[in-house]
């Protein structure tokens, strides 16, 4: 099953209570809570408050969107143990992490191996807490290309590692479909938007109907359940979010 939701960092200026109210109004089902402002890493009191706020509204915690950079954050002062502890207190079933801090072309073999080792380590830690680890599928990381992302999953070879998925900015729809096929068995949550051709050019989600129509049939075939999470909207406006939420619900009802 694919359920609709929101990535909370879409509205960094809103409080958790305001976000919950907006998601409830939109008729969505879950929220990925961000680790930068809404549920800071290590703030267990806030994590507990946000978990209760979310559940009291009849919503699910779709994920903990951490800013843990695999292979980097430990030496920079952010331990994965602190991230994981926060995720558990929040009630998140998965923690989103960033696989490195540079693109695949800018990462040498030593750097890539360091990231692979750290992914295995944090996957083991998370598994003990019955939490999965989901890699961000994004530029500036080792999932910046379809080839690198699928290769990384093979290299890590860990049952507790998933990858989020979203179309790479500016990538042709056919290439996005090909890349999705390659990682489909390990796909977790999906981030949904229509930016074209760059992230600076946001459009109403409905304008991406033809593009997203190619993705939903594949995503329906992926094992397990997941959330399709709206991420950023035109003008950062709640009204744009409510509009896009209606589009997303319609798409999920049709597929």
C-alpha atoms as a PDB file:
ATOM      1  CA  UNK A   1       0.000   0.000   0.000  1.00  0.00           C
ATOM      2  CA  UNK A   2       1.137   3.553  -0.774  1.00  0.00           C
ATOM      3  CA  UNK A   3      -0.143   6.218   1.605  1.00  0.00           C
ATOM      4  CA  UNK A   4       0.104   9.998   1.063  1.00  0.00           C
ATOM      5  CA  UNK A   5       2.023  12.267   3.393  1.00  0.00           C
ATOM      6  CA  UNK A   6       4.320  15.271   3.803  1.00  0.00           C
ATOM      7  CA  UNK A   7       8.009  15.895   4.444  1.00  0.00           C
ATOM      8  CA  UNK A   8       7.923  18.395   7.309  1.00  0.00           C
ATOM      9  CA  UNK A   9      10.890  20.446   6.063  1.00  0.00           C
ATOM     10  CA  UNK A  10       8.554  21.638   3.307  1.00  0.00           C
ATOM     11  CA  UNK A  11       7.385  24.112   5.939  1.00  0.00           C
ATOM     12  CA  UNK A  12      10.378  24.919   8.115  1.00  0.00           C
ATOM     13  CA  UNK A  13       8.722  28.134   9.339  1.00  0.00           C
ATOM     14  CA  UNK A  14       5.703  26.298  10.755  1.00  0.00           C
ATOM     15  CA  UNK A  15       5.563  24.631  14.154  1.00  0.00           C
ATOM     16  CA  UNK A  16       4.916  20.897  14.491  1.00  0.00           C
ATOM     17  CA  UNK A  17       1.363  21.638  15.660  1.00  0.00           C
ATOM     18  CA  UNK A  18       0.718  23.801  12.602  1.00  0.00           C
ATOM     19  CA  UNK A  19       2.107  21.117  10.302  1.00  0.00           C
ATOM     20  CA  UNK A  20      -0.039  18.414  11.889  1.00  0.00           C
ATOM     21  CA  UNK A  21      -3.116  20.621  11.468  1.00  0.00           C
ATOM     22  CA  UNK A  22      -2.282  21.284   7.811  1.00  0.00           C
ATOM     23  CA  UNK A  23      -1.672  17.606   7.017  1.00  0.00           C
ATOM     24  CA  UNK A  24      -4.918  16.685   8.748  1.00  0.00           C
ATOM     25  CA  UNK A  25      -6.770  19.337   6.756  1.00  0.00           C
ATOM     26  CA  UNK A  26      -5.267  17.969   3.537  1.00  0.00           C
ATOM     27  CA  UNK A  27      -6.484  14.463   4.312  1.00  0.00           C
ATOM     28  CA  UNK A  28      -3.005  12.921   4.192  1.00  0.00           C
ATOM     29  CA  UNK A  29      -1.858  10.057   6.393  1.00  0.00           C
ATOM     30  CA  UNK A  30       1.689  10.620   7.592  1.00  0.00           C
ATOM     31  CA  UNK A  31       4.610  12.977   8.165  1.00  0.00           C
ATOM     32  CA  UNK A  32       8.352  12.561   7.774  1.00  0.00           C
ATOM     33  CA  UNK A  33       9.678  14.746  10.574  1.00  0.00           C
ATOM     34  CA  UNK A  34      12.900  16.635   9.878  1.00  0.00           C
ATOM     35  CA  UNK A  35      15.895  16.457  12.192  1.00  0.00           C
ATOM     36  CA  UNK A  36      17.045  20.040  11.703  1.00  0.00           C
ATOM     37  CA  UNK A  37      14.229  22.091  13.238  1.00  0.00           C
ATOM     38  CA  UNK A  38      11.045  20.170  13.989  1.00  0.00           C
ATOM     39  CA  UNK A  39      12.642  17.251  15.849  1.00  0.00           C
ATOM     40  CA  UNK A  40      16.316  18.124  16.429  1.00  0.00           C
ATOM     41  CA  UNK A  41      18.769  15.258  16.758  1.00  0.00           C
ATOM     42  CA  UNK A  42      19.042  14.267  20.384  1.00  0.00           C
ATOM     43  CA  UNK A  43      16.032  16.236  21.649  1.00  0.00           C
ATOM     44  CA  UNK A  44      14.073  13.332  23.100  1.00  0.00           C
ATOM     45  CA  UNK A  45      11.522  15.533  24.827  1.00  0.00           C
ATOM     46  CA  UNK A  46      10.593  17.166  21.528  1.00  0.00           C
ATOM     47  CA  UNK A  47      10.548  13.785  19.797  1.00  0.00           C
ATOM     48  CA  UNK A  48       8.084  12.448  22.359  1.00  0.00           C
ATOM     49  CA  UNK A  49       5.893  15.545  22.086  1.00  0.00           C
ATOM     50  CA  UNK A  50       5.802  15.381  18.285  1.00  0.00           C
ATOM     51  CA  UNK A  51       5.051  11.648  18.322  1.00  0.00           C
ATOM     52  CA  UNK A  52       2.087  12.216  20.609  1.00  0.00           C
ATOM     53  CA  UNK A  53       0.909  15.209  18.584  1.00  0.00           C
ATOM     54  CA  UNK A  54       1.064  13.165  15.390  1.00  0.00           C
ATOM     55  CA  UNK A  55      -0.730  10.126  16.777  1.00  0.00           C
ATOM     56  CA  UNK A  56      -3.414  12.152  18.530  1.00  0.00           C
ATOM     57  CA  UNK A  57      -4.321  13.581  15.118  1.00  0.00           C
ATOM     58  CA  UNK A  58      -4.687  10.068  13.718  1.00  0.00           C
ATOM     59  CA  UNK A  59      -1.535  10.399  11.626  1.00  0.00           C
ATOM     60  CA  UNK A  60       1.548   8.192  11.279  1.00  0.00           C
ATOM     61  CA  UNK A  61       5.206   9.058  11.663  1.00  0.00           C
ATOM     62  CA  UNK A  62       6.340   8.157   8.151  1.00  0.00           C
ATOM     63  CA  UNK A  63      10.069   8.547   8.847  1.00  0.00           C
ATOM     64  CA  UNK A  64      12.691  10.523  10.714  1.00  0.00           C
ATOM     65  CA  UNK A  65      14.408  12.742   8.155  1.00  0.00           C
ATOM     66  CA  UNK A  66      17.843  13.020   9.695  1.00  0.00           C
ATOM     67  CA  UNK A  67      20.793  15.025   8.486  1.00  0.00           C
ATOM     68  CA  UNK A  68      23.270  12.294   9.254  1.00  0.00           C
ATOM     69  CA  UNK A  69      25.933  12.270   6.523  1.00  0.00           C
ATOM     70  CA  UNK A  70      27.188   8.721   6.217  1.00  0.00           C
ATOM     71  CA  UNK A  71      30.966   8.571   6.530  1.00  0.00           C
ATOM     72  CA  UNK A  72      31.169  12.175   7.791  1.00  0.00           C
ATOM     73  CA  UNK A  73      28.814  13.021  10.639  1.00  0.00           C
ATOM     74  CA  UNK A  74      30.511  10.895  13.295  1.00  0.00           C
ATOM     75  CA  UNK A  75      33.734  12.889  12.997  1.00  0.00           C
ATOM     76  CA  UNK A  76      31.744  16.135  12.800  1.00  0.00           C
ATOM     77  CA  UNK A  77      30.110  15.500  16.174  1.00  0.00           C
ATOM     78  CA  UNK A  78      26.777  13.900  15.264  1.00  0.00           C
ATOM     79  CA  UNK A  79      26.658  10.250  16.287  1.00  0.00           C
ATOM     80  CA  UNK A  80      24.231   7.878  14.652  1.00  0.00           C
ATOM     81  CA  UNK A  81      23.349   6.539  18.093  1.00  0.00           C
ATOM     82  CA  UNK A  82      21.921   9.961  18.971  1.00  0.00           C
ATOM     83  CA  UNK A  83      19.982  10.072  15.690  1.00  0.00           C
ATOM     84  CA  UNK A  84      18.634   6.566  16.226  1.00  0.00           C
ATOM     85  CA  UNK A  85      17.622   7.255  19.815  1.00  0.00           C
ATOM     86  CA  UNK A  86      15.631  10.254  18.591  1.00  0.00           C
ATOM     87  CA  UNK A  87      13.977   8.208  15.847  1.00  0.00           C
ATOM     88  CA  UNK A  88      12.918   5.541  18.331  1.00  0.00           C
ATOM     89  CA  UNK A  89      11.449   8.140  20.698  1.00  0.00           C
ATOM     90  CA  UNK A  90       9.643   9.711  17.739  1.00  0.00           C
ATOM     91  CA  UNK A  91       8.184   6.339  16.795  1.00  0.00           C
ATOM     92  CA  UNK A  92       9.725   6.318  13.309  1.00  0.00           C
ATOM     93  CA  UNK A  93      10.138   3.004  11.561  1.00  0.00           C
ATOM     94  CA  UNK A  94      12.896   4.297   9.306  1.00  0.00           C
ATOM     95  CA  UNK A  95      15.672   6.890   9.483  1.00  0.00           C
ATOM     96  CA  UNK A  96      16.596   8.796   6.352  1.00  0.00           C
ATOM     97  CA  UNK A  97      20.341   9.423   5.969  1.00  0.00           C
ATOM     98  CA  UNK A  98      22.527  11.074   3.350  1.00  0.00           C
ATOM     99  CA  UNK A  99      25.015   8.708   1.664  1.00  0.00           C
ATOM    100  CA  UNK A 100      28.057  10.955   1.751  1.00  0.00           C
ATOM    101  CA  UNK A 101      28.628  14.624   1.157  1.00  0.00           C
ATOM    102  CA  UNK A 102      29.750  14.649  -2.474  1.00  0.00           C
ATOM    103  CA  UNK A 103      28.578  13.225  -5.752  1.00  0.00           C
ATOM    104  CA  UNK A 104      29.749   9.880  -7.105  1.00  0.00           C
ATOM    105  CA  UNK A 105      32.167  11.484  -9.581  1.00  0.00           C
ATOM    106  CA  UNK A 106      33.763  13.503  -6.782  1.00  0.00           C
ATOM    107  CA  UNK A 107      34.187  10.560  -4.395  1.00  0.00           C
ATOM    108  CA  UNK A 108      37.246   8.349  -4.755  1.00  0.00           C
ATOM    109  CA  UNK A 109      37.293   4.619  -3.992  1.00  0.00           C
ATOM    110  CA  UNK A 110      38.614   5.165  -0.470  1.00  0.00           C
ATOM    111  CA  UNK A 111      35.842   7.642   0.266  1.00  0.00           C
ATOM    112  CA  UNK A 112      33.212   5.353  -1.214  1.00  0.00           C
ATOM    113  CA  UNK A 113      34.451   2.425   0.865  1.00  0.00           C
ATOM    114  CA  UNK A 114      34.277   4.560   4.009  1.00  0.00           C
ATOM    115  CA  UNK A 115      30.620   5.302   3.271  1.00  0.00           C
ATOM    116  CA  UNK A 116      29.868   1.643   2.581  1.00  0.00           C
ATOM    117  CA  UNK A 117      31.410   0.613   5.910  1.00  0.00           C
ATOM    118  CA  UNK A 118      29.469   3.265   7.815  1.00  0.00           C
ATOM    119  CA  UNK A 119      26.212   2.260   6.115  1.00  0.00           C
ATOM    120  CA  UNK A 120      26.737  -1.326   7.243  1.00  0.00           C
ATOM    121  CA  UNK A 121      27.536  -0.176  10.783  1.00  0.00           C
ATOM    122  CA  UNK A 122      24.475   2.050  11.159  1.00  0.00           C
ATOM    123  CA  UNK A 123      22.262  -0.568   9.516  1.00  0.00           C
ATOM    124  CA  UNK A 124      23.311  -3.038  12.207  1.00  0.00           C
ATOM    125  CA  UNK A 125      22.634  -0.514  14.961  1.00  0.00           C
ATOM    126  CA  UNK A 126      19.218   0.355  13.556  1.00  0.00           C
ATOM    127  CA  UNK A 127      18.266  -3.295  13.081  1.00  0.00           C
ATOM    128  CA  UNK A 128      18.732  -3.907  16.802  1.00  0.00           C
ATOM    129  CA  UNK A 129      16.189  -1.145  17.419  1.00  0.00           C
ATOM    130  CA  UNK A 130      13.866  -2.573  14.721  1.00  0.00           C
ATOM    131  CA  UNK A 131      14.321   0.512  12.576  1.00  0.00           C
ATOM    132  CA  UNK A 132      15.385   0.555   8.925  1.00  0.00           C
ATOM    133  CA  UNK A 133      17.851   2.950   7.310  1.00  0.00           C
ATOM    134  CA  UNK A 134      16.715   4.742   4.138  1.00  0.00           C
ATOM    135  CA  UNK A 135      19.247   6.511   1.938  1.00  0.00           C
ATOM    136  CA  UNK A 136      18.338   9.852   0.430  1.00  0.00           C
ATOM    137  CA  UNK A 137      18.150   9.581  -3.389  1.00  0.00           C
ATOM    138  CA  UNK A 138      19.720  12.915  -4.226  1.00  0.00           C
ATOM    139  CA  UNK A 139      22.393  14.905  -5.997  1.00  0.00           C
ATOM    140  CA  UNK A 140      25.609  15.598  -4.115  1.00  0.00           C
ATOM    141  CA  UNK A 141      25.634  12.069  -2.677  1.00  0.00           C
ATOM    142  CA  UNK A 142      26.438   8.549  -3.880  1.00  0.00           C
ATOM    143  CA  UNK A 143      22.848   8.215  -5.093  1.00  0.00           C
ATOM    144  CA  UNK A 144      23.224  11.121  -7.518  1.00  0.00           C
ATOM    145  CA  UNK A 145      23.012   8.806 -10.553  1.00  0.00           C
ATOM    146  CA  UNK A 146      20.969   5.691 -11.176  1.00  0.00           C
ATOM    147  CA  UNK A 147      24.124   3.670 -11.770  1.00  0.00           C
ATOM    148  CA  UNK A 148      25.824   4.761  -8.550  1.00  0.00           C
ATOM    149  CA  UNK A 149      22.666   4.255  -6.471  1.00  0.00           C
ATOM    150  CA  UNK A 150      22.054   0.702  -7.661  1.00  0.00           C
ATOM    151  CA  UNK A 151      25.759  -0.127  -7.329  1.00  0.00           C
ATOM    152  CA  UNK A 152      25.801   1.202  -3.759  1.00  0.00           C
ATOM    153  CA  UNK A 153      22.944  -1.068  -2.711  1.00  0.00           C
ATOM    154  CA  UNK A 154      24.858  -4.065  -4.080  1.00  0.00           C
ATOM    155  CA  UNK A 155      28.095  -2.950  -2.429  1.00  0.00           C
ATOM    156  CA  UNK A 156      26.494  -2.420   0.985  1.00  0.00           C
ATOM    157  CA  UNK A 157      24.545  -5.691   0.688  1.00  0.00           C
ATOM    158  CA  UNK A 158      22.626  -5.247   3.928  1.00  0.00           C
ATOM    159  CA  UNK A 159      18.982  -6.300   4.447  1.00  0.00           C
ATOM    160  CA  UNK A 160      18.299  -3.272   6.663  1.00  0.00           C
ATOM    161  CA  UNK A 161      19.259  -0.695   4.039  1.00  0.00           C
ATOM    162  CA  UNK A 162      16.581   0.839   1.829  1.00  0.00           C
ATOM    163  CA  UNK A 163      16.663   3.788  -0.502  1.00  0.00           C
ATOM    164  CA  UNK A 164      14.170   6.583  -0.753  1.00  0.00           C
ATOM    165  CA  UNK A 165      13.314   7.462  -4.331  1.00  0.00           C
ATOM    166  CA  UNK A 166      12.558  10.602  -6.297  1.00  0.00           C
ATOM    167  CA  UNK A 167      13.160  11.623  -9.909  1.00  0.00           C
ATOM    168  CA  UNK A 168      16.554  13.250 -10.312  1.00  0.00           C
ATOM    169  CA  UNK A 169      16.236  16.905 -11.303  1.00  0.00           C
ATOM    170  CA  UNK A 170      16.408  17.422 -15.051  1.00  0.00           C
ATOM    171  CA  UNK A 171      16.547  13.696 -15.805  1.00  0.00           C
ATOM    172  CA  UNK A 172      14.410  12.421 -18.684  1.00  0.00           C
ATOM    173  CA  UNK A 173      11.385  10.402 -17.617  1.00  0.00           C
ATOM    174  CA  UNK A 174      12.684   7.294 -19.403  1.00  0.00           C
ATOM    175  CA  UNK A 175      15.938   7.478 -17.434  1.00  0.00           C
ATOM    176  CA  UNK A 176      14.028   7.898 -14.180  1.00  0.00           C
ATOM    177  CA  UNK A 177      11.991   4.798 -14.976  1.00  0.00           C
ATOM    178  CA  UNK A 178      15.143   2.825 -15.755  1.00  0.00           C
ATOM    179  CA  UNK A 179      16.758   3.915 -12.493  1.00  0.00           C
ATOM    180  CA  UNK A 180      13.636   3.099 -10.495  1.00  0.00           C
ATOM    181  CA  UNK A 181      13.574  -0.405 -11.945  1.00  0.00           C
ATOM    182  CA  UNK A 182      17.158  -0.962 -10.818  1.00  0.00           C
ATOM    183  CA  UNK A 183      16.502  -0.095  -7.168  1.00  0.00           C
ATOM    184  CA  UNK A 184      12.857  -1.205  -6.959  1.00  0.00           C
ATOM    185  CA  UNK A 185      13.402  -4.188  -4.600  1.00  0.00           C
ATOM    186  CA  UNK A 186      14.941  -1.843  -1.998  1.00  0.00           C
ATOM    187  CA  UNK A 187      12.707   1.223  -2.398  1.00  0.00           C
ATOM    188  CA  UNK A 188      11.278   2.740   0.776  1.00  0.00           C
ATOM    189  CA  UNK A 189       9.416   6.036   0.904  1.00  0.00           C
ATOM    190  CA  UNK A 190       9.012   8.245  -2.154  1.00  0.00           C
ATOM    191  CA  UNK A 191       9.405  12.023  -2.244  1.00  0.00           C
ATOM    192  CA  UNK A 192       6.870  13.577  -4.590  1.00  0.00           C
ATOM    193  CA  UNK A 193       7.171  16.917  -6.398  1.00  0.00           C
ATOM    194  CA  UNK A 194       7.289  18.397  -9.872  1.00  0.00           C
ATOM    195  CA  UNK A 195      10.350  20.590 -10.306  1.00  0.00           C
ATOM    196  CA  UNK A 196      11.493  21.084 -13.874  1.00  0.00           C
ATOM    197  CA  UNK A 197      14.131  21.249 -15.040  1.00  0.00           C
ATOM    198  CA  UNK A 198      15.838  22.343 -11.804  1.00  0.00           C
ATOM    199  CA  UNK A 199      14.870  22.501  -8.137  1.00  0.00           C
ATOM    200  CA  UNK A 200      14.520  26.263  -8.478  1.00  0.00           C
ATOM    201  CA  UNK A 201      11.584  25.850 -10.852  1.00  0.00           C
ATOM    202  CA  UNK A 202       8.680  24.428  -8.889  1.00  0.00           C
ATOM    203  CA  UNK A 203       5.388  23.710 -10.610  1.00  0.00           C
ATOM    204  CA  UNK A 204       1.970  22.495  -9.447  1.00  0.00           C
ATOM    205  CA  UNK A 205       2.125  18.744  -8.994  1.00  0.00           C
ATOM    206  CA  UNK A 206      -0.675  18.276 -11.527  1.00  0.00           C
ATOM    207  CA  UNK A 207       1.660  19.596 -14.222  1.00  0.00           C
ATOM    208  CA  UNK A 208       3.773  16.470 -13.720  1.00  0.00           C
ATOM    209  CA  UNK A 209       0.897  14.040 -14.269  1.00  0.00           C
ATOM    210  CA  UNK A 210       2.333  12.516 -17.450  1.00  0.00           C
ATOM    211  CA  UNK A 211       5.743  12.053 -15.836  1.00  0.00           C
ATOM    212  CA  UNK A 212       4.468  10.534 -12.596  1.00  0.00           C
ATOM    213  CA  UNK A 213       2.065   8.248 -14.453  1.00  0.00           C
ATOM    214  CA  UNK A 214       5.154   6.327 -15.563  1.00  0.00           C
ATOM    215  CA  UNK A 215       6.328   5.827 -11.976  1.00  0.00           C
ATOM    216  CA  UNK A 216       3.226   4.672 -10.091  1.00  0.00           C
ATOM    217  CA  UNK A 217       2.797   1.270 -11.822  1.00  0.00           C
ATOM    218  CA  UNK A 218       6.378   0.368 -10.903  1.00  0.00           C
ATOM    219  CA  UNK A 219       6.058   1.644  -7.345  1.00  0.00           C
ATOM    220  CA  UNK A 220       2.957  -0.504  -6.928  1.00  0.00           C
ATOM    221  CA  UNK A 221       5.134  -3.535  -7.676  1.00  0.00           C
ATOM    222  CA  UNK A 222       7.722  -2.729  -5.011  1.00  0.00           C
ATOM    223  CA  UNK A 223       7.593  -5.041  -1.982  1.00  0.00           C
ATOM    224  CA  UNK A 224       6.144  -3.739   1.258  1.00  0.00           C
ATOM    225  CA  UNK A 225       4.258  -0.580   2.156  1.00  0.00           C
ATOM    226  CA  UNK A 226       5.488   2.982   1.796  1.00  0.00           C
ATOM    227  CA  UNK A 227       4.554   6.639   1.943  1.00  0.00           C
ATOM    228  CA  UNK A 228       4.436   9.002  -1.002  1.00  0.00           C
ATOM    229  CA  UNK A 229       5.517  12.238   0.652  1.00  0.00           C
ATOM    230  CA  UNK A 230       5.023  15.695  -0.804  1.00  0.00           C
ATOM    231  CA  UNK A 231       8.300  17.608  -0.563  1.00  0.00           C
ATOM    232  CA  UNK A 232       8.337  21.386  -1.060  1.00  0.00           C
ATOM    233  CA  UNK A 233       5.647  23.182  -3.013  1.00  0.00           C
ATOM    234  CA  UNK A 234       5.302  26.198  -5.235  1.00  0.00           C
ATOM    235  CA  UNK A 235       6.089  29.378  -3.322  1.00  0.00           C
ATOM    236  CA  UNK A 236       6.296  27.448  -0.014  1.00  0.00           C
ATOM    237  CA  UNK A 237       2.598  28.247   0.338  1.00  0.00           C
ATOM    238  CA  UNK A 238       0.159  26.139   2.374  1.00  0.00           C
ATOM    239  CA  UNK A 239      -2.468  26.741  -0.318  1.00  0.00           C
ATOM    240  CA  UNK A 240      -0.146  25.181  -2.902  1.00  0.00           C
ATOM    241  CA  UNK A 241       0.364  22.211  -0.592  1.00  0.00           C
ATOM    242  CA  UNK A 242      -3.381  21.685  -0.197  1.00  0.00           C
ATOM    243  CA  UNK A 243      -3.752  21.815  -3.979  1.00  0.00           C
ATOM    244  CA  UNK A 244      -0.934  19.312  -4.518  1.00  0.00           C
ATOM    245  CA  UNK A 245      -2.310  17.057  -1.788  1.00  0.00           C
ATOM    246  CA  UNK A 246      -5.559  16.730  -3.717  1.00  0.00           C
ATOM    247  CA  UNK A 247      -3.578  15.800  -6.828  1.00  0.00           C
ATOM    248  CA  UNK A 248      -1.541  13.207  -4.967  1.00  0.00           C
ATOM    249  CA  UNK A 249      -4.611  11.590  -3.411  1.00  0.00           C
ATOM    250  CA  UNK A 250      -6.275  11.420  -6.810  1.00  0.00           C
ATOM    251  CA  UNK A 251      -3.210   9.770  -8.362  1.00  0.00           C
ATOM    252  CA  UNK A 252      -2.986   7.173  -5.603  1.00  0.00           C
ATOM    253  CA  UNK A 253      -6.696   6.395  -5.893  1.00  0.00           C
ATOM    254  CA  UNK A 254      -6.334   5.829  -9.638  1.00  0.00           C
ATOM    255  CA  UNK A 255      -3.254   3.601  -9.589  1.00  0.00           C
END
